[in-house]
Amino acid sequence: MDVRVRANPDSLPSLERLLSYRIPVPAGGAIPLSELVIEERKQSLGNIRHYNFRRAITLEADLRSGGMDTVQANAFLLERWK
């Protein structure tokens, strides 16, 4: 499962401290978060849009009067997207 975390740098002393946070396990005891994740640091987009918890993009258009309506435009986009 991919999980991305974006934190205010002032809210955590370090990423290492976050990764050392211990997670309880069903068998008892706890293990550090670092044993459950693969850490990867990258630059990313400032904003990722979601719809129903899935990544989404927004397409916008100006429809001409007498042209296709929004229902037809959505059907057209869905067919072309495939």
PDB file of N, CA and C in Angstrom:
ATOM      1  N   MET A   1       0.851  -1.165   0.000  1.00  0.00           N
ATOM      2  CA  MET A   1       0.000   0.000   0.000  1.00  0.00           C
ATOM      3  C   MET A   1       0.897   1.228   0.000  1.00  0.00           C
ATOM      4  N   ASP A   2       0.645   2.148  -0.911  1.00  0.00           N
ATOM      5  CA  ASP A   2       1.395   3.392  -0.935  1.00  0.00           C
ATOM      6  C   ASP A   2       0.750   4.389   0.009  1.00  0.00           C
ATOM      7  N   VAL A   3       1.555   4.985   0.853  1.00  0.00           N
ATOM      8  CA  VAL A   3       1.090   6.030   1.754  1.00  0.00           C
ATOM      9  C   VAL A   3       2.058   7.180   1.630  1.00  0.00           C
ATOM     10  N   ARG A   4       1.526   8.354   1.422  1.00  0.00           N
ATOM     11  CA  ARG A   4       2.377   9.544   1.346  1.00  0.00           C
ATOM     12  C   ARG A   4       2.065  10.433   2.526  1.00  0.00           C
ATOM     13  N   VAL A   5       3.113  10.933   3.127  1.00  0.00           N
ATOM     14  CA  VAL A   5       2.965  11.775   4.305  1.00  0.00           C
ATOM     15  C   VAL A   5       3.606  13.108   4.013  1.00  0.00           C
ATOM     16  N   ARG A   6       2.871  14.140   4.293  1.00  0.00           N
ATOM     17  CA  ARG A   6       3.428  15.481   4.179  1.00  0.00           C
ATOM     18  C   ARG A   6       3.224  16.151   5.521  1.00  0.00           C
ATOM     19  N   ALA A   7       4.303  16.543   6.131  1.00  0.00           N
ATOM     20  CA  ALA A   7       4.214  17.118   7.471  1.00  0.00           C
ATOM     21  C   ALA A   7       4.856  18.488   7.489  1.00  0.00           C
ATOM     22  N   ASN A   8       4.368  19.304   8.368  1.00  0.00           N
ATOM     23  CA  ASN A   8       4.983  20.589   8.612  1.00  0.00           C
ATOM     24  C   ASN A   8       6.339  20.316   9.267  1.00  0.00           C
ATOM     25  N   PRO A   9       7.434  20.789   8.694  1.00  0.00           N
ATOM     26  CA  PRO A   9       8.756  20.488   9.256  1.00  0.00           C
ATOM     27  C   PRO A   9       8.898  20.889  10.727  1.00  0.00           C
ATOM     28  N   ASP A  10       8.139  21.893  11.149  1.00  0.00           N
ATOM     29  CA  ASP A  10       8.244  22.335  12.545  1.00  0.00           C
ATOM     30  C   ASP A  10       7.509  21.401  13.503  1.00  0.00           C
ATOM     31  N   SER A  11       6.619  20.537  12.979  1.00  0.00           N
ATOM     32  CA  SER A  11       5.822  19.692  13.864  1.00  0.00           C
ATOM     33  C   SER A  11       6.554  18.424  14.296  1.00  0.00           C
ATOM     34  N   LEU A  12       7.595  18.032  13.579  1.00  0.00           N
ATOM     35  CA  LEU A  12       8.365  16.839  13.933  1.00  0.00           C
ATOM     36  C   LEU A  12       9.847  17.192  14.016  1.00  0.00           C
ATOM     37  N   PRO A  13      10.508  16.722  15.053  1.00  0.00           N
ATOM     38  CA  PRO A  13      11.939  17.005  15.140  1.00  0.00           C
ATOM     39  C   PRO A  13      12.718  16.393  13.971  1.00  0.00           C
ATOM     40  N   SER A  14      12.292  15.193  13.520  1.00  0.00           N
ATOM     41  CA  SER A  14      12.980  14.551  12.397  1.00  0.00           C
ATOM     42  C   SER A  14      12.145  13.388  11.876  1.00  0.00           C
ATOM     43  N   LEU A  15      12.398  13.008  10.632  1.00  0.00           N
ATOM     44  CA  LEU A  15      11.733  11.845  10.065  1.00  0.00           C
ATOM     45  C   LEU A  15      12.174  10.586  10.805  1.00  0.00           C
ATOM     46  N   GLU A  16      13.413  10.540  11.202  1.00  0.00           N
ATOM     47  CA  GLU A  16      13.929   9.385  11.935  1.00  0.00           C
ATOM     48  C   GLU A  16      13.137   9.154  13.221  1.00  0.00           C
ATOM     49  N   ARG A  17      12.762  10.243  13.872  1.00  0.00           N
ATOM     50  CA  ARG A  17      11.976  10.105  15.110  1.00  0.00           C
ATOM     51  C   ARG A  17      10.597   9.529  14.793  1.00  0.00           C
ATOM     52  N   LEU A  18       9.977   9.969  13.709  1.00  0.00           N
ATOM     53  CA  LEU A  18       8.688   9.414  13.308  1.00  0.00           C
ATOM     54  C   LEU A  18       8.821   7.923  13.000  1.00  0.00           C
ATOM     55  N   LEU A  19       9.881   7.546  12.282  1.00  0.00           N
ATOM     56  CA  LEU A  19      10.074   6.144  11.913  1.00  0.00           C
ATOM     57  C   LEU A  19      10.411   5.264  13.116  1.00  0.00           C
ATOM     58  N   SER A  20      10.873   5.867  14.185  1.00  0.00           N
ATOM     59  CA  SER A  20      11.174   5.075  15.386  1.00  0.00           C
ATOM     60  C   SER A  20       9.935   4.859  16.262  1.00  0.00           C
ATOM     61  N   TYR A  21       8.824   5.506  15.903  1.00  0.00           N
ATOM     62  CA  TYR A  21       7.573   5.329  16.644  1.00  0.00           C
ATOM     63  C   TYR A  21       7.193   3.853  16.637  1.00  0.00           C
ATOM     64  N   ARG A  22       6.867   3.306  17.793  1.00  0.00           N
ATOM     65  CA  ARG A  22       6.595   1.867  17.920  1.00  0.00           C
ATOM     66  C   ARG A  22       5.114   1.580  17.714  1.00  0.00           C
ATOM     67  N   ILE A  23       4.827   0.577  16.877  1.00  0.00           N
ATOM     68  CA  ILE A  23       3.474   0.171  16.517  1.00  0.00           C
ATOM     69  C   ILE A  23       3.155  -1.151  17.218  1.00  0.00           C
ATOM     70  N   PRO A  24       2.019  -1.247  17.926  1.00  0.00           N
ATOM     71  CA  PRO A  24       1.656  -2.523  18.558  1.00  0.00           C
ATOM     72  C   PRO A  24       1.356  -3.592  17.497  1.00  0.00           C
ATOM     73  N   VAL A  25       1.725  -4.827  17.785  1.00  0.00           N
ATOM     74  CA  VAL A  25       1.453  -5.951  16.874  1.00  0.00           C
ATOM     75  C   VAL A  25       0.515  -6.937  17.561  1.00  0.00           C
ATOM     76  N   PRO A  26      -0.271  -7.692  16.755  1.00  0.00           N
ATOM     77  CA  PRO A  26      -1.266  -8.612  17.344  1.00  0.00           C
ATOM     78  C   PRO A  26      -0.682  -9.642  18.311  1.00  0.00           C
ATOM     79  N   ALA A  27       0.550 -10.088  18.065  1.00  0.00           N
ATOM     80  CA  ALA A  27       1.145 -11.111  18.930  1.00  0.00           C
ATOM     81  C   ALA A  27       1.632 -10.540  20.256  1.00  0.00           C
ATOM     82  N   GLY A  28       1.514  -9.239  20.421  1.00  0.00           N
ATOM     83  CA  GLY A  28       2.010  -8.589  21.631  1.00  0.00           C
ATOM     84  C   GLY A  28       3.315  -7.877  21.349  1.00  0.00           C
ATOM     85  N   GLY A  29       3.628  -6.921  22.148  1.00  0.00           N
ATOM     86  CA  GLY A  29       4.837  -6.140  21.941  1.00  0.00           C
ATOM     87  C   GLY A  29       4.609  -5.078  20.881  1.00  0.00           C
ATOM     88  N   ALA A  30       5.691  -4.517  20.398  1.00  0.00           N
ATOM     89  CA  ALA A  30       5.622  -3.452  19.403  1.00  0.00           C
ATOM     90  C   ALA A  30       6.893  -3.447  18.572  1.00  0.00           C
ATOM     91  N   ILE A  31       6.772  -2.964  17.349  1.00  0.00           N
ATOM     92  CA  ILE A  31       7.947  -2.837  16.478  1.00  0.00           C
ATOM     93  C   ILE A  31       8.007  -1.408  15.947  1.00  0.00           C
ATOM     94  N   PRO A  32       9.199  -0.944  15.612  1.00  0.00           N
ATOM     95  CA  PRO A  32       9.297   0.412  15.078  1.00  0.00           C
ATOM     96  C   PRO A  32       8.650   0.506  13.696  1.00  0.00           C
ATOM     97  N   LEU A  33       8.051   1.637  13.419  1.00  0.00           N
ATOM     98  CA  LEU A  33       7.425   1.890  12.130  1.00  0.00           C
ATOM     99  C   LEU A  33       8.414   1.655  10.987  1.00  0.00           C
ATOM    100  N   SER A  34       9.685   1.919  11.210  1.00  0.00           N
ATOM    101  CA  SER A  34      10.708   1.752  10.164  1.00  0.00           C
ATOM    102  C   SER A  34      10.808   0.316   9.660  1.00  0.00           C
ATOM    103  N   GLU A  35      10.356  -0.664  10.446  1.00  0.00           N
ATOM    104  CA  GLU A  35      10.385  -2.057  10.000  1.00  0.00           C
ATOM    105  C   GLU A  35       9.205  -2.405   9.102  1.00  0.00           C
ATOM    106  N   LEU A  36       8.220  -1.521   9.035  1.00  0.00           N
ATOM    107  CA  LEU A  36       7.030  -1.772   8.232  1.00  0.00           C
ATOM    108  C   LEU A  36       6.986  -0.964   6.934  1.00  0.00           C
ATOM    109  N   VAL A  37       7.887  -0.025   6.782  1.00  0.00           N
ATOM    110  CA  VAL A  37       7.822   0.865   5.617  1.00  0.00           C
ATOM    111  C   VAL A  37       9.157   0.903   4.885  1.00  0.00           C
ATOM    112  N   ILE A  38       9.087   1.311   3.654  1.00  0.00           N
ATOM    113  CA  ILE A  38      10.278   1.631   2.869  1.00  0.00           C
ATOM    114  C   ILE A  38      10.263   3.142   2.695  1.00  0.00           C
ATOM    115  N   GLU A  39      11.240   3.783   3.265  1.00  0.00           N
ATOM    116  CA  GLU A  39      11.297   5.242   3.231  1.00  0.00           C
ATOM    117  C   GLU A  39      11.829   5.699   1.874  1.00  0.00           C
ATOM    118  N   GLU A  40      11.161   6.674   1.292  1.00  0.00           N
ATOM    119  CA  GLU A  40      11.599   7.252   0.028  1.00  0.00           C
ATOM    120  C   GLU A  40      11.249   8.737   0.061  1.00  0.00           C
ATOM    121  N   ARG A  41      12.235   9.570  -0.166  1.00  0.00           N
ATOM    122  CA  ARG A  41      12.012  11.017  -0.134  1.00  0.00           C
ATOM    123  C   ARG A  41      12.097  11.559  -1.545  1.00  0.00           C
ATOM    124  N   LYS A  42      11.076  12.359  -1.929  1.00  0.00           N
ATOM    125  CA  LYS A  42      11.013  12.945  -3.267  1.00  0.00           C
ATOM    126  C   LYS A  42      10.309  14.284  -3.212  1.00  0.00           C
ATOM    127  N   GLN A  43      10.546  15.073  -4.230  1.00  0.00           N
ATOM    128  CA  GLN A  43       9.740  16.265  -4.452  1.00  0.00           C
ATOM    129  C   GLN A  43       8.444  15.793  -5.078  1.00  0.00           C
ATOM    130  N   SER A  44       7.347  16.432  -4.758  1.00  0.00           N
ATOM    131  CA  SER A  44       6.074  16.039  -5.344  1.00  0.00           C
ATOM    132  C   SER A  44       5.238  17.275  -5.628  1.00  0.00           C
ATOM    133  N   LEU A  45       4.077  17.046  -6.235  1.00  0.00           N
ATOM    134  CA  LEU A  45       3.157  18.133  -6.498  1.00  0.00           C
ATOM    135  C   LEU A  45       2.684  18.723  -5.184  1.00  0.00           C
ATOM    136  N   GLY A  46       2.384  19.986  -5.215  1.00  0.00           N
ATOM    137  CA  GLY A  46       1.896  20.623  -4.009  1.00  0.00           C
ATOM    138  C   GLY A  46       0.478  20.226  -3.651  1.00  0.00           C
ATOM    139  N   ASN A  47      -0.289  19.757  -4.643  1.00  0.00           N
ATOM    140  CA  ASN A  47      -1.688  19.440  -4.398  1.00  0.00           C
ATOM    141  C   ASN A  47      -2.097  18.262  -5.268  1.00  0.00           C
ATOM    142  N   ILE A  48      -2.604  17.224  -4.657  1.00  0.00           N
ATOM    143  CA  ILE A  48      -3.115  16.070  -5.393  1.00  0.00           C
ATOM    144  C   ILE A  48      -4.606  15.995  -5.097  1.00  0.00           C
ATOM    145  N   ARG A  49      -5.419  16.075  -6.139  1.00  0.00           N
ATOM    146  CA  ARG A  49      -6.873  16.060  -5.956  1.00  0.00           C
ATOM    147  C   ARG A  49      -7.369  14.623  -5.826  1.00  0.00           C
ATOM    148  N   HIS A  50      -8.431  14.459  -5.021  1.00  0.00           N
ATOM    149  CA  HIS A  50      -9.033  13.147  -4.820  1.00  0.00           C
ATOM    150  C   HIS A  50     -10.550  13.244  -4.944  1.00  0.00           C
ATOM    151  N   TYR A  51     -11.143  12.169  -5.392  1.00  0.00           N
ATOM    152  CA  TYR A  51     -12.595  12.032  -5.449  1.00  0.00           C
ATOM    153  C   TYR A  51     -12.911  10.619  -4.994  1.00  0.00           C
ATOM    154  N   ASN A  52     -13.741  10.476  -3.973  1.00  0.00           N
ATOM    155  CA  ASN A  52     -14.035   9.168  -3.384  1.00  0.00           C
ATOM    156  C   ASN A  52     -12.760   8.425  -3.003  1.00  0.00           C
ATOM    157  N   PHE A  53     -11.806   9.134  -2.421  1.00  0.00           N
ATOM    158  CA  PHE A  53     -10.540   8.595  -1.924  1.00  0.00           C
ATOM    159  C   PHE A  53      -9.619   8.073  -3.034  1.00  0.00           C
ATOM    160  N   ARG A  54      -9.875   8.439  -4.278  1.00  0.00           N
ATOM    161  CA  ARG A  54      -9.006   8.045  -5.392  1.00  0.00           C
ATOM    162  C   ARG A  54      -8.465   9.308  -6.044  1.00  0.00           C
ATOM    163  N   ARG A  55      -7.266   9.218  -6.577  1.00  0.00           N
ATOM    164  CA  ARG A  55      -6.695  10.356  -7.283  1.00  0.00           C
ATOM    165  C   ARG A  55      -7.609  10.759  -8.425  1.00  0.00           C
ATOM    166  N   ALA A  56      -7.690  12.045  -8.657  1.00  0.00           N
ATOM    167  CA  ALA A  56      -8.585  12.532  -9.700  1.00  0.00           C
ATOM    168  C   ALA A  56      -7.947  13.703 -10.436  1.00  0.00           C
ATOM    169  N   ILE A  57      -8.383  13.895 -11.656  1.00  0.00           N
ATOM    170  CA  ILE A  57      -8.012  15.082 -12.409  1.00  0.00           C
ATOM    171  C   ILE A  57      -9.300  15.810 -12.758  1.00  0.00           C
ATOM    172  N   THR A  58      -9.195  17.080 -13.033  1.00  0.00           N
ATOM    173  CA  THR A  58     -10.362  17.867 -13.405  1.00  0.00           C
ATOM    174  C   THR A  58     -10.188  18.345 -14.835  1.00  0.00           C
ATOM    175  N   LEU A  59     -11.187  18.073 -15.662  1.00  0.00           N
ATOM    176  CA  LEU A  59     -11.213  18.569 -17.029  1.00  0.00           C
ATOM    177  C   LEU A  59     -12.291  19.633 -17.100  1.00  0.00           C
ATOM    178  N   GLU A  60     -11.958  20.760 -17.726  1.00  0.00           N
ATOM    179  CA  GLU A  60     -12.925  21.840 -17.843  1.00  0.00           C
ATOM    180  C   GLU A  60     -13.060  22.226 -19.302  1.00  0.00           C
ATOM    181  N   ALA A  61     -14.260  22.679 -19.669  1.00  0.00           N
ATOM    182  CA  ALA A  61     -14.493  23.105 -21.048  1.00  0.00           C
ATOM    183  C   ALA A  61     -15.607  24.133 -21.073  1.00  0.00           C
ATOM    184  N   ASP A  62     -15.565  24.980 -22.071  1.00  0.00           N
ATOM    185  CA  ASP A  62     -16.666  25.903 -22.341  1.00  0.00           C
ATOM    186  C   ASP A  62     -17.490  25.279 -23.455  1.00  0.00           C
ATOM    187  N   LEU A  63     -18.735  24.935 -23.153  1.00  0.00           N
ATOM    188  CA  LEU A  63     -19.604  24.311 -24.139  1.00  0.00           C
ATOM    189  C   LEU A  63     -20.326  25.408 -24.932  1.00  0.00           C
ATOM    190  N   ARG A  64     -20.337  25.219 -26.243  1.00  0.00           N
ATOM    191  CA  ARG A  64     -21.011  26.197 -27.107  1.00  0.00           C
ATOM    192  C   ARG A  64     -22.514  25.981 -27.064  1.00  0.00           C
ATOM    193  N   SER A  65     -23.237  27.049 -27.166  1.00  0.00           N
ATOM    194  CA  SER A  65     -24.688  26.964 -27.251  1.00  0.00           C
ATOM    195  C   SER A  65     -25.053  26.216 -28.529  1.00  0.00           C
ATOM    196  N   GLY A  66     -25.953  25.251 -28.407  1.00  0.00           N
ATOM    197  CA  GLY A  66     -26.349  24.461 -29.566  1.00  0.00           C
ATOM    198  C   GLY A  66     -25.438  23.264 -29.806  1.00  0.00           C
ATOM    199  N   GLY A  67     -24.353  23.151 -29.044  1.00  0.00           N
ATOM    200  CA  GLY A  67     -23.445  22.018 -29.172  1.00  0.00           C
ATOM    201  C   GLY A  67     -23.868  20.914 -28.224  1.00  0.00           C
ATOM    202  N   MET A  68     -22.927  20.095 -27.809  1.00  0.00           N
ATOM    203  CA  MET A  68     -23.267  19.010 -26.889  1.00  0.00           C
ATOM    204  C   MET A  68     -23.536  19.555 -25.499  1.00  0.00           C
ATOM    205  N   ASP A  69     -24.393  18.848 -24.744  1.00  0.00           N
ATOM    206  CA  ASP A  69     -24.671  19.246 -23.372  1.00  0.00           C
ATOM    207  C   ASP A  69     -23.672  18.544 -22.441  1.00  0.00           C
ATOM    208  N   THR A  70     -23.783  18.777 -21.144  1.00  0.00           N
ATOM    209  CA  THR A  70     -22.810  18.213 -20.198  1.00  0.00           C
ATOM    210  C   THR A  70     -22.860  16.690 -20.146  1.00  0.00           C
ATOM    211  N   VAL A  71     -24.050  16.103 -20.291  1.00  0.00           N
ATOM    212  CA  VAL A  71     -24.161  14.642 -20.282  1.00  0.00           C
ATOM    213  C   VAL A  71     -23.415  14.064 -21.485  1.00  0.00           C
ATOM    214  N   GLN A  72     -23.621  14.646 -22.664  1.00  0.00           N
ATOM    215  CA  GLN A  72     -22.926  14.188 -23.869  1.00  0.00           C
ATOM    216  C   GLN A  72     -21.422  14.408 -23.750  1.00  0.00           C
ATOM    217  N   ALA A  73     -21.031  15.544 -23.183  1.00  0.00           N
ATOM    218  CA  ALA A  73     -19.606  15.842 -23.024  1.00  0.00           C
ATOM    219  C   ALA A  73     -18.943  14.834 -22.091  1.00  0.00           C
ATOM    220  N   ASN A  74     -19.606  14.484 -20.981  1.00  0.00           N
ATOM    221  CA  ASN A  74     -19.047  13.490 -20.059  1.00  0.00           C
ATOM    222  C   ASN A  74     -18.928  12.125 -20.723  1.00  0.00           C
ATOM    223  N   ALA A  75     -19.952  11.717 -21.472  1.00  0.00           N
ATOM    224  CA  ALA A  75     -19.909  10.432 -22.183  1.00  0.00           C
ATOM    225  C   ALA A  75     -18.768  10.437 -23.200  1.00  0.00           C
ATOM    226  N   PHE A  76     -18.609  11.539 -23.909  1.00  0.00           N
ATOM    227  CA  PHE A  76     -17.530  11.665 -24.894  1.00  0.00           C
ATOM    228  C   PHE A  76     -16.163  11.513 -24.216  1.00  0.00           C
ATOM    229  N   LEU A  77     -15.970  12.212 -23.091  1.00  0.00           N
ATOM    230  CA  LEU A  77     -14.693  12.144 -22.369  1.00  0.00           C
ATOM    231  C   LEU A  77     -14.415  10.738 -21.836  1.00  0.00           C
ATOM    232  N   LEU A  78     -15.431  10.103 -21.274  1.00  0.00           N
ATOM    233  CA  LEU A  78     -15.251   8.752 -20.739  1.00  0.00           C
ATOM    234  C   LEU A  78     -14.872   7.773 -21.845  1.00  0.00           C
ATOM    235  N   GLU A  79     -15.502   7.881 -23.001  1.00  0.00           N
ATOM    236  CA  GLU A  79     -15.181   6.984 -24.113  1.00  0.00           C
ATOM    237  C   GLU A  79     -13.761   7.228 -24.604  1.00  0.00           C
ATOM    238  N   ARG A  80     -13.369   8.473 -24.737  1.00  0.00           N
ATOM    239  CA  ARG A  80     -12.023   8.817 -25.212  1.00  0.00           C
ATOM    240  C   ARG A  80     -10.955   8.446 -24.187  1.00  0.00           C
ATOM    241  N   TRP A  81     -11.313   8.522 -22.917  1.00  0.00           N
ATOM    242  CA  TRP A  81     -10.342   8.227 -21.850  1.00  0.00           C
ATOM    243  C   TRP A  81      -9.903   6.773 -21.894  1.00  0.00           C
ATOM    244  N   LYS A  82     -10.835   5.872 -22.303  1.00  0.00           N
ATOM    245  CA  LYS A  82     -10.502   4.434 -22.374  1.00  0.00           C
ATOM    246  C   LYS A  82      -9.376   4.219 -23.340  1.00  0.00           C
TER     247      LYS A  82
END
